[in-house]
PDB file of N, CA and C in Angstrom:
ATOM      1  N   UNK A   1       1.812  99.202  17.476  1.00  0.00           N
ATOM      2  CA  UNK A   1       2.160  97.967  18.197  1.00  0.00           C
ATOM      3  C   UNK A   1       1.528  96.789  17.484  1.00  0.00           C
ATOM      4  N   UNK A   2       2.335  95.783  17.223  1.00  0.00           N
ATOM      5  CA  UNK A   2       1.793  94.570  16.608  1.00  0.00           C
ATOM      6  C   UNK A   2       2.321  93.355  17.358  1.00  0.00           C
ATOM      7  N   UNK A   3       1.530  92.295  17.341  1.00  0.00           N
ATOM      8  CA  UNK A   3       1.912  91.092  18.074  1.00  0.00           C
ATOM      9  C   UNK A   3       2.935  90.299  17.265  1.00  0.00           C
ATOM     10  N   UNK A   4       4.021  89.953  17.925  1.00  0.00           N
ATOM     11  CA  UNK A   4       5.061  89.170  17.254  1.00  0.00           C
ATOM     12  C   UNK A   4       4.669  87.697  17.308  1.00  0.00           C
ATOM     13  N   UNK A   5       4.682  87.015  16.181  1.00  0.00           N
ATOM     14  CA  UNK A   5       4.362  85.583  16.182  1.00  0.00           C
ATOM     15  C   UNK A   5       5.341  84.801  17.056  1.00  0.00           C
ATOM     16  N   UNK A   6       4.854  83.750  17.674  1.00  0.00           N
ATOM     17  CA  UNK A   6       5.653  82.972  18.622  1.00  0.00           C
ATOM     18  C   UNK A   6       6.910  82.410  17.965  1.00  0.00           C
ATOM     19  N   UNK A   7       6.757  81.854  16.755  1.00  0.00           N
ATOM     20  CA  UNK A   7       7.920  81.239  16.097  1.00  0.00           C
ATOM     21  C   UNK A   7       8.952  82.297  15.712  1.00  0.00           C
ATOM     22  N   UNK A   8       8.477  83.527  15.451  1.00  0.00           N
ATOM     23  CA  UNK A   8       9.405  84.597  15.082  1.00  0.00           C
ATOM     24  C   UNK A   8      10.259  85.015  16.283  1.00  0.00           C
ATOM     25  N   UNK A   9       9.613  85.195  17.431  1.00  0.00           N
ATOM     26  CA  UNK A   9      10.354  85.593  18.625  1.00  0.00           C
ATOM     27  C   UNK A   9      11.332  84.493  19.024  1.00  0.00           C
ATOM     28  N   UNK A  10      10.944  83.239  18.800  1.00  0.00           N
ATOM     29  CA  UNK A  10      11.850  82.118  19.062  1.00  0.00           C
ATOM     30  C   UNK A  10      13.044  82.180  18.134  1.00  0.00           C
ATOM     31  N   UNK A  11      12.789  82.558  16.882  1.00  0.00           N
ATOM     32  CA  UNK A  11      13.857  82.683  15.889  1.00  0.00           C
ATOM     33  C   UNK A  11      14.855  83.747  16.303  1.00  0.00           C
ATOM     34  N   UNK A  12      14.337  84.892  16.749  1.00  0.00           N
ATOM     35  CA  UNK A  12      15.203  85.998  17.163  1.00  0.00           C
ATOM     36  C   UNK A  12      16.078  85.562  18.328  1.00  0.00           C
ATOM     37  N   UNK A  13      15.476  84.843  19.276  1.00  0.00           N
ATOM     38  CA  UNK A  13      16.219  84.366  20.437  1.00  0.00           C
ATOM     39  C   UNK A  13      17.352  83.455  19.986  1.00  0.00           C
ATOM     40  N   UNK A  14      17.037  82.583  19.022  1.00  0.00           N
ATOM     41  CA  UNK A  14      18.025  81.636  18.502  1.00  0.00           C
ATOM     42  C   UNK A  14      19.162  82.380  17.807  1.00  0.00           C
ATOM     43  N   UNK A  15      18.814  83.383  17.008  1.00  0.00           N
ATOM     44  CA  UNK A  15      19.824  84.158  16.275  1.00  0.00           C
ATOM     45  C   UNK A  15      20.720  84.917  17.254  1.00  0.00           C
ATOM     46  N   UNK A  16      20.121  85.519  18.274  1.00  0.00           N
ATOM     47  CA  UNK A  16      20.909  86.256  19.268  1.00  0.00           C
ATOM     48  C   UNK A  16      21.876  85.318  19.977  1.00  0.00           C
ATOM     49  N   UNK A  17      21.402  84.103  20.290  1.00  0.00           N
ATOM     50  CA  UNK A  17      22.247  83.124  20.963  1.00  0.00           C
ATOM     51  C   UNK A  17      23.407  82.726  20.057  1.00  0.00           C
ATOM     52  N   UNK A  18      23.113  82.562  18.763  1.00  0.00           N
ATOM     53  CA  UNK A  18      24.141  82.186  17.786  1.00  0.00           C
ATOM     54  C   UNK A  18      25.207  83.274  17.694  1.00  0.00           C
ATOM     55  N   UNK A  19      24.761  84.538  17.647  1.00  0.00           N
ATOM     56  CA  UNK A  19      25.697  85.667  17.591  1.00  0.00           C
ATOM     57  C   UNK A  19      26.550  85.690  18.856  1.00  0.00           C
ATOM     58  N   UNK A  20      25.925  85.480  19.998  1.00  0.00           N
ATOM     59  CA  UNK A  20      26.641  85.482  21.273  1.00  0.00           C
ATOM     60  C   UNK A  20      27.728  84.417  21.269  1.00  0.00           C
ATOM     61  N   UNK A  21      27.388  83.220  20.759  1.00  0.00           N
ATOM     62  CA  UNK A  21      28.351  82.118  20.691  1.00  0.00           C
ATOM     63  C   UNK A  21      29.506  82.482  19.779  1.00  0.00           C
ATOM     64  N   UNK A  22      29.193  83.069  18.626  1.00  0.00           N
ATOM     65  CA  UNK A  22      30.237  83.444  17.672  1.00  0.00           C
ATOM     66  C   UNK A  22      31.152  84.512  18.259  1.00  0.00           C
ATOM     67  N   UNK A  23      30.585  85.472  18.974  1.00  0.00           N
ATOM     68  CA  UNK A  23      31.386  86.525  19.593  1.00  0.00           C
ATOM     69  C   UNK A  23      32.317  85.923  20.642  1.00  0.00           C
ATOM     70  N   UNK A  24      31.818  84.964  21.414  1.00  0.00           N
ATOM     71  CA  UNK A  24      32.635  84.294  22.430  1.00  0.00           C
ATOM     72  C   UNK A  24      33.795  83.570  21.773  1.00  0.00           C
ATOM     73  N   UNK A  25      33.521  82.891  20.663  1.00  0.00           N
ATOM     74  CA  UNK A  25      34.569  82.174  19.929  1.00  0.00           C
ATOM     75  C   UNK A  25      35.626  83.154  19.426  1.00  0.00           C
ATOM     76  N   UNK A  26      35.178  84.289  18.896  1.00  0.00           N
ATOM     77  CA  UNK A  26      36.114  85.288  18.381  1.00  0.00           C
ATOM     78  C   UNK A  26      37.005  85.813  19.506  1.00  0.00           C
ATOM     79  N   UNK A  27      36.420  86.037  20.665  1.00  0.00           N
ATOM     80  CA  UNK A  27      37.194  86.533  21.802  1.00  0.00           C
ATOM     81  C   UNK A  27      38.233  85.505  22.227  1.00  0.00           C
ATOM     82  N   UNK A  28      37.838  84.231  22.253  1.00  0.00           N
ATOM     83  CA  UNK A  28      38.773  83.157  22.620  1.00  0.00           C
ATOM     84  C   UNK A  28      39.941  83.127  21.648  1.00  0.00           C
ATOM     85  N   UNK A  29      39.625  83.230  20.356  1.00  0.00           N
ATOM     86  CA  UNK A  29      40.671  83.175  19.336  1.00  0.00           C
ATOM     87  C   UNK A  29      41.582  84.398  19.409  1.00  0.00           C
ATOM     88  N   UNK A  30      41.020  85.535  19.769  1.00  0.00           N
ATOM     89  CA  UNK A  30      41.804  86.768  19.824  1.00  0.00           C
ATOM     90  C   UNK A  30      42.810  86.723  20.979  1.00  0.00           C
ATOM     91  N   UNK A  31      42.467  86.017  22.051  1.00  0.00           N
ATOM     92  CA  UNK A  31      43.344  85.966  23.223  1.00  0.00           C
ATOM     93  C   UNK A  31      44.578  85.107  22.972  1.00  0.00           C
ATOM     94  N   UNK A  32      44.505  84.217  22.002  1.00  0.00           N
ATOM     95  CA  UNK A  32      45.640  83.324  21.729  1.00  0.00           C
ATOM     96  C   UNK A  32      46.823  84.101  21.175  1.00  0.00           C
TER      97      UNK A  32
END
């Protein structure tokens, strides 16, 4: 077990949010 640096965990959160947004966009485009 190691402690994750604060800025790193923030980065991961940001990346996950970005992926989520991109997936939503892809779904919207696929429905057209």
